[in-house]
């Protein structure tokens, strides 16, 4: 080999490298196209998902919403009844300066002790009841974290619990099934933690005629029961929020219960049909799936049940678990339901899409969360 040959050799190698990358890109594109074709084929074979019919009046929607709620409860399965007020026990209380940090627990009546945190501003008293936030943690494959998320700047730009408490909110959140101190508490015990424990819990609940998702939401509603019963809390001023799985928990809670007055939901919102069409079912864990749902409606019917209460969605258009086509479709449909309740109500549904943003909680999103809660929950 001579020095004169070197540029030719480099050029050949570069061309081979570029050709290799081009081939990989072509293969990836073909795989994605195949996945999309497969999803569409499965949907067609299963039959058309009934569209959400928008009635002519708010009164007619009220009756339709009752039917949707009844179907949601039915599809979640035969959930154990819950007490009107869970017998929660405060197991510790720490003075954090502006607020107290309480750790509490309650028996969920289904074989588990649910543990949670309550951030209690010192300004909140029975004589001066405070607004409150039910905080729902995310999934993220971080089974050991759970409620600890409220104390960390991990899923969120700031530690949400202290930040909200310092703004005068009572903040309460629990470990969802299989998370935090409940990781390893499933039917197979400590030998099955993380995703294995989540899968065994899902299997067990299916045998019992109910869903893991239904049990997660049931625990959240028990936490809401406890929050509303706190003597320092104004039950007329409660919001709910979360990111990712926490977002999904929040908008399902809004759909099923009228007590939360507002919600902020970051990520994890799209149409289920779009997840199938775009080959993205793998983006969500087993907890996410409710049998029979698409035989009746898609995501927009669930979210519309929040109307006319204020709800803010913030989603990145590069979020791999939330196809943006589904996000936009939901926005166009749900906004029509809100419009049934008048011009003021139409402004209470915000579907913000962030270009170039993936599955993250930006500082700007946190600022919007605070402003939304201050306006619609605190009443400022």
Protein backbone atom coordinates (compact mmCIF):
# COMPACT_ATOMS: atom_id res chain seq x y z
CA UNK A 1 0.00 0.00 0.00
CA UNK A 2 1.32 3.44 -0.93
CA UNK A 3 0.43 6.80 0.61
CA UNK A 4 -1.45 7.63 -2.58
CA UNK A 5 -3.77 4.66 -2.01
CA UNK A 6 -4.89 5.78 1.48
CA UNK A 7 -7.65 8.25 0.40
CA UNK A 8 -9.18 5.58 -1.84
CA UNK A 9 -9.15 3.01 0.96
CA UNK A 10 -10.74 5.49 3.40
CA UNK A 11 -13.38 6.40 0.83
CA UNK A 12 -14.26 2.75 0.27
CA UNK A 13 -14.53 2.07 3.98
CA UNK A 14 -16.62 5.20 4.48
CA UNK A 15 -18.94 4.17 1.67
CA UNK A 16 -19.30 0.69 3.18
CA UNK A 17 -20.06 2.25 6.58
CA UNK A 18 -22.64 4.61 5.12
CA UNK A 19 -24.18 1.76 3.15
CA UNK A 20 -24.37 -0.27 6.35
CA UNK A 21 -26.13 2.51 8.21
CA UNK A 22 -28.51 3.04 5.31
CA UNK A 23 -29.33 -0.66 5.34
CA UNK A 24 -29.99 -0.58 9.07
CA UNK A 25 -32.24 2.45 8.70
CA UNK A 26 -34.13 0.70 5.89
CA UNK A 27 -34.54 -2.45 8.01
CA UNK A 28 -35.76 -0.43 11.00
CA UNK A 29 -38.23 1.38 8.77
CA UNK A 30 -39.49 -1.89 7.35
CA UNK A 31 -39.93 -3.33 10.85
CA UNK A 32 -41.87 -0.26 11.97
CA UNK A 33 -44.05 -0.42 8.86
CA UNK A 34 -44.66 -4.13 9.47
CA UNK A 35 -45.60 -3.46 13.11
CA UNK A 36 -48.03 -0.75 12.01
CA UNK A 37 -49.57 -3.03 9.38
CA UNK A 38 -49.92 -5.81 11.93
CA UNK A 39 -51.59 -3.51 14.45
CA UNK A 40 -54.06 -2.25 11.85
CA UNK A 41 -54.83 -5.82 10.78
CA UNK A 42 -55.51 -6.90 14.36
CA UNK A 43 -57.78 -3.89 14.92
CA UNK A 44 -59.73 -4.58 11.74
CA UNK A 45 -60.18 -8.22 12.67
CA UNK A 46 -61.40 -7.28 16.15
CA UNK A 47 -64.05 -4.91 14.83
CA UNK A 48 -64.58 -1.17 14.90
CA UNK A 49 -64.08 0.64 18.19
CA UNK A 50 -67.29 2.61 18.81
CA UNK A 51 -66.66 6.36 18.49
CA UNK A 52 -67.65 8.71 21.27
CA UNK A 53 -70.93 10.30 20.26
CA UNK A 54 -71.13 13.91 21.43
CA UNK A 55 -74.68 14.76 22.55
CA UNK A 56 -76.43 18.06 21.92
CA UNK A 57 -76.48 19.29 25.52
CA UNK A 58 -74.65 19.16 28.83
CA UNK A 59 -77.67 17.49 30.39
CA UNK A 60 -77.56 14.70 27.83
CA UNK A 61 -73.82 14.34 28.41
CA UNK A 62 -74.43 13.92 32.14
CA UNK A 63 -76.50 10.81 31.45
CA UNK A 64 -73.96 9.51 28.95
CA UNK A 65 -71.14 10.06 31.42
CA UNK A 66 -72.98 7.99 34.03
CA UNK A 67 -73.09 5.11 31.55
CA UNK A 68 -69.37 5.44 30.78
CA UNK A 69 -68.52 5.45 34.48
CA UNK A 70 -70.62 2.36 35.07
CA UNK A 71 -68.78 0.56 32.27
CA UNK A 72 -65.39 1.59 33.66
CA UNK A 73 -66.24 0.17 37.07
CA UNK A 74 -67.55 -3.01 35.47
CA UNK A 75 -64.47 -3.51 33.30
CA UNK A 76 -62.08 -3.04 36.22
CA UNK A 77 -63.70 -6.11 37.72
CA UNK A 78 -65.16 -7.30 40.99
CA UNK A 79 -63.29 -4.93 43.30
CA UNK A 80 -63.63 -5.38 47.06
CA UNK A 81 -65.87 -2.76 48.70
CA UNK A 82 -64.03 -0.01 50.52
CA UNK A 83 -64.84 1.70 53.80
CA UNK A 84 -66.25 5.22 53.64
CA UNK A 85 -63.19 6.39 55.55
CA UNK A 86 -60.09 4.20 55.84
CA UNK A 87 -58.81 3.71 59.37
CA UNK A 88 -55.42 5.30 58.74
CA UNK A 89 -52.71 5.35 61.38
CA UNK A 90 -50.01 8.02 61.53
CA UNK A 91 -46.81 6.11 62.29
CA UNK A 92 -44.37 9.04 62.34
CA UNK A 93 -44.28 12.84 62.17
CA UNK A 94 -41.26 15.01 61.39
CA UNK A 95 -40.96 18.77 61.68
CA UNK A 96 -39.58 20.06 58.37
CA UNK A 97 -39.76 23.77 59.14
CA UNK A 98 -42.60 25.01 56.93
CA UNK A 99 -44.49 21.75 57.16
CA UNK A 100 -44.80 18.41 58.93
CA UNK A 101 -43.99 15.21 57.11
CA UNK A 102 -46.27 12.41 58.26
CA UNK A 103 -45.98 8.77 57.35
CA UNK A 104 -49.29 6.92 57.54
CA UNK A 105 -50.71 3.53 56.69
CA UNK A 106 -54.07 1.87 56.23
CA UNK A 107 -55.41 -1.61 55.57
CA UNK A 108 -56.85 -1.73 52.06
CA UNK A 109 -59.13 -4.64 52.92
CA UNK A 110 -57.53 -6.79 50.23
CA UNK A 111 -54.58 -8.27 52.09
CA UNK A 112 -52.18 -5.32 52.06
CA UNK A 113 -51.12 -2.44 54.24
CA UNK A 114 -50.86 0.70 52.11
CA UNK A 115 -48.23 3.22 53.20
CA UNK A 116 -48.06 6.85 52.27
CA UNK A 117 -46.78 10.34 53.03
CA UNK A 118 -48.70 13.45 53.99
CA UNK A 119 -46.98 16.82 53.72
CA UNK A 120 -48.89 19.08 56.09
CA UNK A 121 -48.21 22.84 56.01
CA UNK A 122 -48.09 24.36 59.48
CA UNK A 123 -50.62 26.93 58.31
CA UNK A 124 -53.19 24.16 57.74
CA UNK A 125 -55.44 23.73 60.78
CA UNK A 126 -59.06 22.73 61.45
CA UNK A 127 -59.80 26.46 61.71
CA UNK A 128 -57.87 27.28 58.54
CA UNK A 129 -58.46 24.39 56.18
CA UNK A 130 -56.02 24.15 53.30
CA UNK A 131 -56.29 23.10 49.66
CA UNK A 132 -54.83 19.68 48.94
CA UNK A 133 -53.19 17.64 46.20
CA UNK A 134 -53.43 13.89 45.73
CA UNK A 135 -50.09 13.02 44.17
CA UNK A 136 -49.77 9.87 42.03
CA UNK A 137 -46.25 8.57 41.44
CA UNK A 138 -44.98 7.21 38.17
CA UNK A 139 -43.82 3.76 37.09
CA UNK A 140 -40.56 4.15 35.16
CA UNK A 141 -39.56 0.61 36.11
CA UNK A 142 -38.49 2.08 39.47
CA UNK A 143 -40.34 -0.30 41.73
CA UNK A 144 -38.38 0.62 44.85
CA UNK A 145 -39.32 4.32 44.73
CA UNK A 146 -43.11 4.71 44.79
CA UNK A 147 -44.13 7.47 47.18
CA UNK A 148 -40.46 8.49 47.60
CA UNK A 149 -40.88 10.25 44.27
CA UNK A 150 -42.52 13.11 46.17
CA UNK A 151 -39.22 13.65 48.01
CA UNK A 152 -37.01 13.52 44.91
CA UNK A 153 -36.24 15.55 41.82
CA UNK A 154 -36.25 12.48 39.61
CA UNK A 155 -39.50 12.10 37.70
CA UNK A 156 -40.26 15.77 38.36
CA UNK A 157 -38.00 18.87 38.10
CA UNK A 158 -38.37 19.49 41.85
CA UNK A 159 -39.30 17.41 44.88
CA UNK A 160 -43.05 17.83 44.47
CA UNK A 161 -44.09 17.15 48.08
CA UNK A 162 -42.04 19.87 49.78
CA UNK A 163 -42.54 22.31 46.89
CA UNK A 164 -46.33 22.07 47.05
CA UNK A 165 -46.42 22.06 50.86
CA UNK A 166 -44.40 25.28 50.94
CA UNK A 167 -47.07 26.80 48.67
CA UNK A 168 -49.72 25.97 51.26
CA UNK A 169 -51.05 22.65 49.89
CA UNK A 170 -51.57 19.52 51.92
CA UNK A 171 -49.96 16.85 49.74
CA UNK A 172 -50.76 13.16 50.07
CA UNK A 173 -49.55 10.16 48.10
CA UNK A 174 -49.25 6.41 48.55
CA UNK A 175 -47.23 3.49 47.25
CA UNK A 176 -49.15 1.88 44.40
CA UNK A 177 -49.39 -1.90 44.38
CA UNK A 178 -45.90 -3.41 43.75
CA UNK A 179 -44.08 -0.11 44.39
CA UNK A 180 -42.09 1.39 47.26
CA UNK A 181 -42.64 -0.49 50.48
CA UNK A 182 -45.12 -2.72 48.66
CA UNK A 183 -42.47 -4.05 46.27
CA UNK A 184 -42.25 -7.76 47.02
CA UNK A 185 -45.58 -7.87 48.86
CA UNK A 186 -47.40 -9.67 46.05
CA UNK A 187 -48.91 -13.16 46.12
CA UNK A 188 -45.48 -14.76 45.51
CA UNK A 189 -43.86 -12.77 48.32
CA UNK A 190 -40.32 -11.41 48.48
CA UNK A 191 -39.04 -13.87 45.87
CA UNK A 192 -40.88 -11.90 43.17
CA UNK A 193 -40.08 -8.20 43.07
CA UNK A 194 -40.18 -5.58 40.36
CA UNK A 195 -41.77 -6.55 37.07
CA UNK A 196 -42.10 -10.18 38.19
CA UNK A 197 -44.07 -9.10 41.25
CA UNK A 198 -46.21 -6.82 39.11
CA UNK A 199 -46.98 -9.70 36.76
CA UNK A 200 -47.90 -12.09 39.59
CA UNK A 201 -50.19 -9.44 41.10
CA UNK A 202 -51.89 -8.98 37.72
CA UNK A 203 -52.34 -12.75 37.31
CA UNK A 204 -53.73 -13.16 40.83
CA UNK A 205 -56.26 -10.38 40.36
CA UNK A 206 -57.44 -11.81 37.04
CA UNK A 207 -58.16 -15.10 38.80
CA UNK A 208 -60.15 -13.12 41.37
CA UNK A 209 -62.23 -11.56 38.59
CA UNK A 210 -60.68 -8.12 38.78
CA UNK A 211 -57.79 -6.13 37.28
CA UNK A 212 -54.53 -4.90 38.76
CA UNK A 213 -55.44 -1.46 37.40
CA UNK A 214 -58.75 -1.55 39.23
CA UNK A 215 -56.96 -2.37 42.49
CA UNK A 216 -54.45 0.45 41.95
CA UNK A 217 -57.26 2.96 41.37
CA UNK A 218 -59.20 1.57 44.33
CA UNK A 219 -56.20 2.24 46.60
CA UNK A 220 -55.91 5.77 45.16
CA UNK A 221 -59.57 6.41 45.95
CA UNK A 222 -59.02 5.14 49.50
CA UNK A 223 -56.17 7.65 49.76
CA UNK A 224 -58.57 10.32 48.47
CA UNK A 225 -61.12 9.23 51.09
CA UNK A 226 -58.50 9.73 53.79
CA UNK A 227 -57.37 13.07 52.36
CA UNK A 228 -60.94 14.41 52.29
CA UNK A 229 -61.48 13.27 55.88
CA UNK A 230 -58.41 15.11 57.20
CA UNK A 231 -59.60 17.92 59.45
CA UNK A 232 -56.91 20.26 58.08
CA UNK A 233 -58.11 19.82 54.48
CA UNK A 234 -60.80 21.73 52.62
CA UNK A 235 -62.54 18.89 50.72
CA UNK A 236 -63.94 21.40 48.23
CA UNK A 237 -60.40 22.29 47.09
CA UNK A 238 -58.60 19.13 46.05
CA UNK A 239 -56.52 18.50 42.94
CA UNK A 240 -54.82 15.41 41.56
CA UNK A 241 -51.63 15.15 39.53
CA UNK A 242 -48.86 12.89 38.29
CA UNK A 243 -46.53 12.03 35.46
CA UNK A 244 -46.56 8.87 33.33
CA UNK A 245 -48.41 6.12 35.21
CA UNK A 246 -49.22 8.84 37.74
CA UNK A 247 -50.80 10.87 34.95
CA UNK A 248 -52.96 7.93 33.91
CA UNK A 249 -53.99 7.35 37.52
CA UNK A 250 -54.92 11.04 37.76
CA UNK A 251 -57.20 11.15 34.72
CA UNK A 252 -58.87 7.87 35.65
CA UNK A 253 -59.53 9.27 39.14
CA UNK A 254 -61.06 12.36 37.55
CA UNK A 255 -63.23 10.13 35.39
CA UNK A 256 -64.50 8.03 38.29
CA UNK A 257 -64.84 10.53 41.14
CA UNK A 258 -66.19 14.08 41.31
CA UNK A 259 -64.28 15.15 44.41
CA UNK A 260 -61.07 16.33 42.69
CA UNK A 261 -61.75 19.81 41.36
CA UNK A 262 -58.84 19.92 38.91
CA UNK A 263 -56.01 17.82 37.52
CA UNK A 264 -52.65 18.15 35.82
CA UNK A 265 -51.49 15.13 33.81
CA UNK A 266 -47.99 14.97 32.33
CA UNK A 267 -47.33 12.39 29.58
CA UNK A 268 -48.93 8.95 29.20
CA UNK A 269 -52.06 10.13 27.40
CA UNK A 270 -53.05 8.91 23.95
CA UNK A 271 -55.66 6.77 22.24
CA UNK A 272 -55.31 3.05 22.79
CA UNK A 273 -56.01 2.45 19.09
CA UNK A 274 -53.02 4.61 18.17
CA UNK A 275 -50.77 2.59 20.46
CA UNK A 276 -51.85 -0.55 18.60
CA UNK A 277 -51.53 0.97 15.13
CA UNK A 278 -48.02 2.24 15.81
CA UNK A 279 -46.72 -0.91 17.50
CA UNK A 280 -46.31 0.74 20.89
CA UNK A 281 -48.14 -1.65 23.23
CA UNK A 282 -44.70 -2.66 24.50
CA UNK A 283 -44.30 0.86 25.91
CA UNK A 284 -46.71 0.13 28.79
CA UNK A 285 -46.66 -2.39 31.61
CA UNK A 286 -49.28 -5.01 32.37
CA UNK A 287 -50.94 -2.70 34.92
CA UNK A 288 -52.19 -0.51 32.06
CA UNK A 289 -54.60 -2.91 30.38
CA UNK A 290 -58.32 -3.20 31.15
CA UNK A 291 -60.19 -6.05 29.42
CA UNK A 292 -63.04 -5.10 27.12
CA UNK A 293 -62.36 -1.37 27.03
CA UNK A 294 -62.08 -0.99 23.26
CA UNK A 295 -65.35 -2.83 22.78
CA UNK A 296 -67.04 0.29 24.16
CA UNK A 297 -64.85 3.36 23.58
CA UNK A 298 -61.33 4.75 23.53
CA UNK A 299 -59.38 7.05 25.84
CA UNK A 300 -61.34 10.18 24.98
CA UNK A 301 -64.48 8.80 26.62
CA UNK A 302 -62.62 8.34 29.91
CA UNK A 303 -61.01 11.78 29.86
CA UNK A 304 -64.27 13.47 28.85
CA UNK A 305 -65.82 12.26 32.10
CA UNK A 306 -63.79 14.97 33.85
CA UNK A 307 -65.84 17.70 32.16
CA UNK A 308 -66.49 20.44 33.06
CA UNK A 309 -63.74 20.38 35.72
CA UNK A 310 -60.35 21.89 34.78
CA UNK A 311 -57.81 19.41 33.44
CA UNK A 312 -54.42 20.18 31.90
CA UNK A 313 -52.47 17.70 29.77
CA UNK A 314 -48.83 18.23 28.81
CA UNK A 315 -47.29 15.78 26.36
CA UNK A 316 -44.10 15.76 24.30
CA UNK A 317 -44.55 14.95 20.64
CA UNK A 318 -41.56 12.58 20.85
CA UNK A 319 -42.98 10.56 23.76
CA UNK A 320 -42.63 6.92 22.71
CA UNK A 321 -45.55 5.84 24.88
CA UNK A 322 -47.97 8.51 23.69
CA UNK A 323 -48.41 8.61 19.89
CA UNK A 324 -49.06 12.25 19.17
CA UNK A 325 -51.77 11.45 16.62
CA UNK A 326 -53.84 10.00 19.46
CA UNK A 327 -53.13 12.99 21.69
CA UNK A 328 -54.43 15.37 19.03
CA UNK A 329 -57.53 13.28 18.34
CA UNK A 330 -58.38 13.21 22.04
CA UNK A 331 -57.95 16.96 22.22
CA UNK A 332 -60.34 17.62 19.35
CA UNK A 333 -63.03 15.29 20.74
CA UNK A 334 -62.83 16.16 24.44
CA UNK A 335 -62.83 19.90 23.73
CA UNK A 336 -66.28 19.45 22.15
CA UNK A 337 -67.58 17.84 25.34
CA UNK A 338 -66.25 20.76 27.38
CA UNK A 339 -67.88 23.21 24.96
CA UNK A 340 -71.28 21.72 25.85
CA UNK A 341 -70.86 23.34 29.27
CA UNK A 342 -70.34 26.87 27.96
CA UNK A 343 -67.48 29.14 26.91
CA UNK A 344 -65.98 29.25 30.40
CA UNK A 345 -65.84 25.45 30.57
CA UNK A 346 -64.17 25.29 27.15
CA UNK A 347 -61.17 27.10 28.67
CA UNK A 348 -60.85 24.44 31.38
CA UNK A 349 -59.52 21.77 29.03
CA UNK A 350 -55.93 22.35 27.93
CA UNK A 351 -54.08 19.86 25.74
CA UNK A 352 -50.55 21.25 25.48
CA UNK A 353 -48.13 19.54 23.09
CA UNK A 354 -44.38 20.18 23.36
CA UNK A 355 -42.41 19.87 20.09
CA UNK A 356 -39.20 17.86 20.28
CA UNK A 357 -39.90 16.70 23.83
CA UNK A 358 -39.93 13.05 24.91
CA UNK A 359 -41.22 11.37 28.10
CA UNK A 360 -40.01 14.04 30.52
CA UNK A 361 -41.30 16.64 32.97
CA UNK A 362 -39.79 19.99 32.02
CA UNK A 363 -39.31 22.88 34.47
CA UNK A 364 -41.72 24.90 32.30
CA UNK A 365 -44.29 22.14 32.76
CA UNK A 366 -43.87 22.33 36.53
CA UNK A 367 -44.46 26.09 36.40
CA UNK A 368 -47.71 25.44 34.50
CA UNK A 369 -48.71 22.79 37.03
CA UNK A 370 -48.32 25.25 39.88
CA UNK A 371 -50.21 27.99 38.03
CA UNK A 372 -53.04 25.58 37.15
CA UNK A 373 -53.44 24.34 40.71
CA UNK A 374 -53.22 27.85 42.14
CA UNK A 375 -55.96 29.01 39.80
CA UNK A 376 -58.38 26.10 39.92
CA UNK A 377 -57.74 24.46 43.29
CA UNK A 378 -56.46 27.20 45.55
CA UNK A 379 -58.67 29.78 43.84
CA UNK A 380 -56.09 32.47 43.25
